[in-house]
PDB file of all heavy atoms in Angstrom:
ATOM      1  N   THR A   1     112.570 103.014  80.528  1.00  0.00           N
ATOM      2  CA  THR A   1     112.732 101.799  81.315  1.00  0.00           C
ATOM      3  C   THR A   1     112.130 100.634  80.540  1.00  0.00           C
ATOM      4  O   THR A   1     111.518 100.829  79.493  1.00  0.00           O
ATOM      5  CB  THR A   1     112.026 101.899  82.676  1.00  0.00           C
ATOM      6  OG1 THR A   1     110.617 102.049  82.455  1.00  0.00           O
ATOM      7  CG2 THR A   1     112.542 103.069  83.494  1.00  0.00           C
ATOM      8  N   ILE A   2     112.296  99.440  81.081  1.00  0.00           N
ATOM      9  CA  ILE A   2     111.614  98.285  80.508  1.00  0.00           C
ATOM     10  C   ILE A   2     110.255  98.223  81.190  1.00  0.00           C
ATOM     11  O   ILE A   2     110.124  97.690  82.295  1.00  0.00           O
ATOM     12  CB  ILE A   2     112.418  96.999  80.701  1.00  0.00           C
ATOM     13  CG1 ILE A   2     113.799  97.146  80.066  1.00  0.00           C
ATOM     14  CG2 ILE A   2     111.670  95.817  80.094  1.00  0.00           C
ATOM     15  CD1 ILE A   2     114.715  95.964  80.301  1.00  0.00           C
ATOM     16  N   PHE A   3     109.282  98.795  80.546  1.00  0.00           N
ATOM     17  CA  PHE A   3     107.969  99.023  81.163  1.00  0.00           C
ATOM     18  C   PHE A   3     107.378  97.732  81.723  1.00  0.00           C
ATOM     19  O   PHE A   3     106.791  97.739  82.805  1.00  0.00           O
ATOM     20  CB  PHE A   3     107.027  99.629  80.127  1.00  0.00           C
ATOM     21  CG  PHE A   3     105.654  99.936  80.637  1.00  0.00           C
ATOM     22  CD1 PHE A   3     105.421 101.082  81.385  1.00  0.00           C
ATOM     23  CD2 PHE A   3     104.589  99.086  80.386  1.00  0.00           C
ATOM     24  CE1 PHE A   3     104.151 101.377  81.864  1.00  0.00           C
ATOM     25  CE2 PHE A   3     103.310  99.378  80.846  1.00  0.00           C
ATOM     26  CZ  PHE A   3     103.096 100.520  81.595  1.00  0.00           C
ATOM     27  N   SER A   4     107.537  96.644  81.017  1.00  0.00           N
ATOM     28  CA  SER A   4     106.919  95.382  81.438  1.00  0.00           C
ATOM     29  C   SER A   4     107.510  94.847  82.738  1.00  0.00           C
ATOM     30  O   SER A   4     106.926  93.955  83.353  1.00  0.00           O
ATOM     31  CB  SER A   4     107.060  94.334  80.341  1.00  0.00           C
ATOM     32  OG  SER A   4     108.433  94.095  80.074  1.00  0.00           O
ATOM     33  N   MET A   5     108.631  95.401  83.169  1.00  0.00           N
ATOM     34  CA  MET A   5     109.283  94.980  84.396  1.00  0.00           C
ATOM     35  C   MET A   5     109.038  95.947  85.553  1.00  0.00           C
ATOM     36  O   MET A   5     109.667  95.820  86.606  1.00  0.00           O
ATOM     37  CB  MET A   5     110.783  94.810  84.170  1.00  0.00           C
ATOM     38  CG  MET A   5     111.138  93.678  83.217  1.00  0.00           C
ATOM     39  SD  MET A   5     112.901  93.567  82.913  1.00  0.00           S
ATOM     40  CE  MET A   5     113.496  93.209  84.564  1.00  0.00           C
ATOM     41  N   ALA A   6     108.166  96.903  85.354  1.00  0.00           N
ATOM     42  CA  ALA A   6     107.928  97.930  86.362  1.00  0.00           C
ATOM     43  C   ALA A   6     106.555  97.778  87.000  1.00  0.00           C
ATOM     44  O   ALA A   6     105.578  97.453  86.326  1.00  0.00           O
ATOM     45  CB  ALA A   6     108.051  99.307  85.737  1.00  0.00           C
ATOM     46  N   THR A   7     106.501  98.034  88.296  1.00  0.00           N
ATOM     47  CA  THR A   7     105.224  98.201  88.974  1.00  0.00           C
ATOM     48  C   THR A   7     104.781  99.641  88.766  1.00  0.00           C
ATOM     49  O   THR A   7     105.556 100.568  88.988  1.00  0.00           O
ATOM     50  CB  THR A   7     105.344  97.903  90.468  1.00  0.00           C
ATOM     51  OG1 THR A   7     105.585  96.506  90.644  1.00  0.00           O
ATOM     52  CG2 THR A   7     104.075  98.290  91.208  1.00  0.00           C
ATOM     53  N   MET A   8     103.548  99.801  88.340  1.00  0.00           N
ATOM     54  CA  MET A   8     103.025 101.133  88.039  1.00  0.00           C
ATOM     55  C   MET A   8     101.932 101.503  89.024  1.00  0.00           C
ATOM     56  O   MET A   8     101.222 100.625  89.543  1.00  0.00           O
ATOM     57  CB  MET A   8     102.467 101.177  86.623  1.00  0.00           C
ATOM     58  CG  MET A   8     103.467 100.809  85.540  1.00  0.00           C
ATOM     59  SD  MET A   8     104.884 101.922  85.503  1.00  0.00           S
ATOM     60  CE  MET A   8     104.095 103.492  85.112  1.00  0.00           C
ATOM     61  N   GLY A   9     101.803 102.783  89.258  1.00  0.00           N
ATOM     62  CA  GLY A   9     100.777 103.213  90.191  1.00  0.00           C
ATOM     63  C   GLY A   9     100.270 104.606  89.901  1.00  0.00           C
ATOM     64  O   GLY A   9     100.864 105.349  89.103  1.00  0.00           O
ATOM     65  N   TRP A  10      99.164 104.911  90.530  1.00  0.00           N
ATOM     66  CA  TRP A  10      98.592 106.260  90.498  1.00  0.00           C
ATOM     67  C   TRP A  10      98.460 106.759  91.925  1.00  0.00           C
ATOM     68  O   TRP A  10      97.996 106.024  92.808  1.00  0.00           O
ATOM     69  CB  TRP A  10      97.222 106.258  89.828  1.00  0.00           C
ATOM     70  CG  TRP A  10      97.265 106.058  88.354  1.00  0.00           C
ATOM     71  CD1 TRP A  10      97.111 104.877  87.670  1.00  0.00           C
ATOM     72  CD2 TRP A  10      97.469 107.066  87.353  1.00  0.00           C
ATOM     73  NE1 TRP A  10      97.219 105.088  86.316  1.00  0.00           N
ATOM     74  CE2 TRP A  10      97.436 106.429  86.104  1.00  0.00           C
ATOM     75  CE3 TRP A  10      97.686 108.445  87.396  1.00  0.00           C
ATOM     76  CZ2 TRP A  10      97.603 107.128  84.904  1.00  0.00           C
ATOM     77  CZ3 TRP A  10      97.856 109.134  86.215  1.00  0.00           C
ATOM     78  CH2 TRP A  10      97.810 108.482  84.982  1.00  0.00           C
ATOM     79  N   TYR A  11      98.878 107.980  92.135  1.00  0.00           N
ATOM     80  CA  TYR A  11      98.723 108.676  93.396  1.00  0.00           C
ATOM     81  C   TYR A  11      97.954 109.970  93.122  1.00  0.00           C
ATOM     82  O   TYR A  11      97.827 110.405  91.979  1.00  0.00           O
ATOM     83  CB  TYR A  11     100.093 109.017  93.993  1.00  0.00           C
ATOM     84  CG  TYR A  11     100.852 107.849  94.552  1.00  0.00           C
ATOM     85  CD1 TYR A  11     101.362 106.854  93.723  1.00  0.00           C
ATOM     86  CD2 TYR A  11     101.077 107.734  95.921  1.00  0.00           C
ATOM     87  CE1 TYR A  11     102.057 105.777  94.243  1.00  0.00           C
ATOM     88  CE2 TYR A  11     101.775 106.666  96.451  1.00  0.00           C
ATOM     89  CZ  TYR A  11     102.274 105.695  95.602  1.00  0.00           C
ATOM     90  OH  TYR A  11     102.968 104.632  96.120  1.00  0.00           O
ATOM     91  N   ARG A  12      97.485 110.575  94.198  1.00  0.00           N
ATOM     92  CA  ARG A  12      96.827 111.865  94.034  1.00  0.00           C
ATOM     93  C   ARG A  12      97.123 112.763  95.230  1.00  0.00           C
ATOM     94  O   ARG A  12      97.404 112.277  96.325  1.00  0.00           O
ATOM     95  CB  ARG A  12      95.322 111.709  93.845  1.00  0.00           C
ATOM     96  CG  ARG A  12      94.584 111.173  95.052  1.00  0.00           C
ATOM     97  CD  ARG A  12      93.108 110.921  94.704  1.00  0.00           C
ATOM     98  NE  ARG A  12      92.355 110.426  95.849  1.00  0.00           N
ATOM     99  CZ  ARG A  12      91.089 110.010  95.790  1.00  0.00           C
ATOM    100  NH1 ARG A  12      90.433 110.032  94.620  1.00  0.00           N
ATOM    101  NH2 ARG A  12      90.469 109.577  96.862  1.00  0.00           N
ATOM    102  N   GLN A  13      97.035 114.054  94.972  1.00  0.00           N
ATOM    103  CA  GLN A  13      97.256 115.025  96.039  1.00  0.00           C
ATOM    104  C   GLN A  13      96.243 116.147  95.892  1.00  0.00           C
ATOM    105  O   GLN A  13      96.228 116.858  94.880  1.00  0.00           O
ATOM    106  CB  GLN A  13      98.679 115.583  95.985  1.00  0.00           C
ATOM    107  CG  GLN A  13      99.021 116.462  97.169  1.00  0.00           C
ATOM    108  CD  GLN A  13     100.508 116.746  97.274  1.00  0.00           C
ATOM    109  OE1 GLN A  13     101.261 116.577  96.317  1.00  0.00           O
ATOM    110  NE2 GLN A  13     100.950 117.160  98.449  1.00  0.00           N
ATOM    111  N   ALA A  14      95.422 116.263  96.906  1.00  0.00           N
ATOM    112  CA  ALA A  14      94.435 117.335  96.961  1.00  0.00           C
ATOM    113  C   ALA A  14      95.049 118.549  97.656  1.00  0.00           C
ATOM    114  O   ALA A  14      96.006 118.413  98.421  1.00  0.00           O
ATOM    115  CB  ALA A  14      93.197 116.870  97.711  1.00  0.00           C
ATOM    116  N   PRO A  15      94.509 119.741  97.420  1.00  0.00           N
ATOM    117  CA  PRO A  15      95.060 120.946  98.046  1.00  0.00           C
ATOM    118  C   PRO A  15      95.096 120.823  99.559  1.00  0.00           C
ATOM    119  O   PRO A  15      94.095 120.440 100.185  1.00  0.00           O
ATOM    120  CB  PRO A  15      94.092 122.040  97.597  1.00  0.00           C
ATOM    121  CG  PRO A  15      93.518 121.537  96.325  1.00  0.00           C
ATOM    122  CD  PRO A  15      93.416 120.049  96.486  1.00  0.00           C
ATOM    123  N   GLY A  16      96.240 121.106 100.143  1.00  0.00           N
ATOM    124  CA  GLY A  16      96.381 121.068 101.588  1.00  0.00           C
ATOM    125  C   GLY A  16      96.496 119.682 102.191  1.00  0.00           C
ATOM    126  O   GLY A  16      96.516 119.541 103.413  1.00  0.00           O
ATOM    127  N   LYS A  17      96.572 118.667 101.337  1.00  0.00           N
ATOM    128  CA  LYS A  17      96.657 117.285 101.839  1.00  0.00           C
ATOM    129  C   LYS A  17      97.925 116.612 101.329  1.00  0.00           C
ATOM    130  O   LYS A  17      98.543 117.058 100.362  1.00  0.00           O
ATOM    131  CB  LYS A  17      95.424 116.495 101.415  1.00  0.00           C
ATOM    132  CG  LYS A  17      94.131 116.983 102.028  1.00  0.00           C
ATOM    133  CD  LYS A  17      92.998 116.024 101.728  1.00  0.00           C
ATOM    134  CE  LYS A  17      91.710 116.458 102.415  1.00  0.00           C
ATOM    135  NZ  LYS A  17      90.595 115.498 102.157  1.00  0.00           N
ATOM    136  N   GLN A  18      98.259 115.515 101.996  1.00  0.00           N
ATOM    137  CA  GLN A  18      99.418 114.746 101.561  1.00  0.00           C
ATOM    138  C   GLN A  18      99.072 113.908 100.328  1.00  0.00           C
ATOM    139  O   GLN A  18      97.912 113.563 100.101  1.00  0.00           O
ATOM    140  CB  GLN A  18      99.880 113.825 102.692  1.00  0.00           C
ATOM    141  CG  GLN A  18     100.554 114.548 103.849  1.00  0.00           C
ATOM    142  CD  GLN A  18     101.182 113.579 104.831  1.00  0.00           C
ATOM    143  OE1 GLN A  18     100.717 112.458 105.008  1.00  0.00           O
ATOM    144  NE2 GLN A  18     102.256 114.014 105.479  1.00  0.00           N
ATOM    145  N   ARG A  19     100.104 113.594  99.571  1.00  0.00           N
ATOM    146  CA  ARG A  19      99.916 112.703  98.427  1.00  0.00           C
ATOM    147  C   ARG A  19      99.529 111.328  98.945  1.00  0.00           C
ATOM    148  O   ARG A  19     100.116 110.819  99.906  1.00  0.00           O
ATOM    149  CB  ARG A  19     101.202 112.624  97.603  1.00  0.00           C
ATOM    150  CG  ARG A  19     101.045 111.949  96.263  1.00  0.00           C
ATOM    151  CD  ARG A  19     102.310 112.075  95.423  1.00  0.00           C
ATOM    152  NE  ARG A  19     102.619 113.469  95.126  1.00  0.00           N
ATOM    153  CZ  ARG A  19     103.582 113.816  94.258  1.00  0.00           C
ATOM    154  NH1 ARG A  19     104.303 112.893  93.638  1.00  0.00           N
ATOM    155  NH2 ARG A  19     103.813 115.099  94.042  1.00  0.00           N
ATOM    156  N   GLU A  20      98.547 110.706  98.290  1.00  0.00           N
ATOM    157  CA  GLU A  20      98.073 109.404  98.731  1.00  0.00           C
ATOM    158  C   GLU A  20      98.009 108.428  97.558  1.00  0.00           C
ATOM    159  O   GLU A  20      97.797 108.814  96.406  1.00  0.00           O
ATOM    160  CB  GLU A  20      96.679 109.520  99.367  1.00  0.00           C
ATOM    161  CG  GLU A  20      95.595 109.994  98.435  1.00  0.00           C
ATOM    162  CD  GLU A  20      94.208 109.995  99.086  1.00  0.00           C
ATOM    163  OE1 GLU A  20      94.098 109.666 100.270  1.00  0.00           O
ATOM    164  OE2 GLU A  20      93.241 110.325  98.370  1.00  0.00           O
ATOM    165  N   LEU A  21      98.184 107.164  97.918  1.00  0.00           N
ATOM    166  CA  LEU A  21      98.124 106.099  96.925  1.00  0.00           C
ATOM    167  C   LEU A  21      96.682 105.885  96.484  1.00  0.00           C
ATOM    168  O   LEU A  21      95.774 105.822  97.318  1.00  0.00           O
ATOM    169  CB  LEU A  21      98.688 104.808  97.517  1.00  0.00           C
ATOM    170  CG  LEU A  21      98.562 103.547  96.679  1.00  0.00           C
ATOM    171  CD1 LEU A  21      99.372 103.671  95.406  1.00  0.00           C
ATOM    172  CD2 LEU A  21      99.020 102.341  97.492  1.00  0.00           C
ATOM    173  N   VAL A  22      96.486 105.759  95.186  1.00  0.00           N
ATOM    174  CA  VAL A  22      95.164 105.466  94.637  1.00  0.00           C
ATOM    175  C   VAL A  22      95.091 104.002  94.208  1.00  0.00           C
ATOM    176  O   VAL A  22      94.189 103.270  94.613  1.00  0.00           O
ATOM    177  CB  VAL A  22      94.857 106.374  93.442  1.00  0.00           C
ATOM    178  CG1 VAL A  22      93.530 105.993  92.804  1.00  0.00           C
ATOM    179  CG2 VAL A  22      94.844 107.843  93.868  1.00  0.00           C
ATOM    180  N   ALA A  23      96.038 103.570  93.380  1.00  0.00           N
ATOM    181  CA  ALA A  23      96.013 102.199  92.867  1.00  0.00           C
ATOM    182  C   ALA A  23      97.383 101.831  92.334  1.00  0.00           C
ATOM    183  O   ALA A  23      98.153 102.709  91.921  1.00  0.00           O
ATOM    184  CB  ALA A  23      94.977 102.064  91.750  1.00  0.00           C
ATOM    185  N   THR A  24      97.674 100.527  92.352  1.00  0.00           N
ATOM    186  CA  THR A  24      98.903 100.027  91.755  1.00  0.00           C
ATOM    187  C   THR A  24      98.608  98.772  90.945  1.00  0.00           C
ATOM    188  O   THR A  24      97.603  98.077  91.179  1.00  0.00           O
ATOM    189  CB  THR A  24      99.971  99.676  92.804  1.00  0.00           C
ATOM    190  OG1 THR A  24      99.453  98.659  93.667  1.00  0.00           O
ATOM    191  CG2 THR A  24     100.373 100.888  93.616  1.00  0.00           C
ATOM    192  N   ILE A  25      99.520  98.490  90.012  1.00  0.00           N
ATOM    193  CA  ILE A  25      99.430  97.270  89.218  1.00  0.00           C
ATOM    194  C   ILE A  25     100.840  96.725  89.032  1.00  0.00           C
ATOM    195  O   ILE A  25     101.755  97.456  88.625  1.00  0.00           O
ATOM    196  CB  ILE A  25      98.709  97.516  87.872  1.00  0.00           C
ATOM    197  CG1 ILE A  25      98.522  96.205  87.105  1.00  0.00           C
ATOM    198  CG2 ILE A  25      99.423  98.571  87.030  1.00  0.00           C
ATOM    199  CD1 ILE A  25      97.516  96.322  85.959  1.00  0.00           C
ATOM    200  N   THR A  26     101.013  95.449  89.328  1.00  0.00           N
ATOM    201  CA  THR A  26     102.337  94.834  89.262  1.00  0.00           C
ATOM    202  C   THR A  26     102.608  94.301  87.853  1.00  0.00           C
ATOM    203  O   THR A  26     101.757  94.357  86.963  1.00  0.00           O
ATOM    204  CB  THR A  26     102.451  93.685  90.265  1.00  0.00           C
ATOM    205  OG1 THR A  26     101.598  92.610  89.832  1.00  0.00           O
ATOM    206  CG2 THR A  26     102.045  94.128  91.657  1.00  0.00           C
ATOM    207  N   ILE A  27     103.811  93.719  87.720  1.00  0.00           N
ATOM    208  CA  ILE A  27     104.180  93.156  86.411  1.00  0.00           C
ATOM    209  C   ILE A  27     103.343  91.927  86.082  1.00  0.00           C
ATOM    210  O   ILE A  27     103.233  91.550  84.911  1.00  0.00           O
ATOM    211  CB  ILE A  27     105.677  92.830  86.361  1.00  0.00           C
ATOM    212  CG1 ILE A  27     106.058  91.796  87.423  1.00  0.00           C
ATOM    213  CG2 ILE A  27     106.515  94.099  86.525  1.00  0.00           C
ATOM    214  CD1 ILE A  27     107.507  91.336  87.335  1.00  0.00           C
TER     215      ILE A  27
END
């Protein structure tokens, strides 16, 4: 992709739990 045009983020999922948002960074 054109990386500079993408919003990037980190999520995490612990055992037995739903995936959750950790952090995001926009263009």
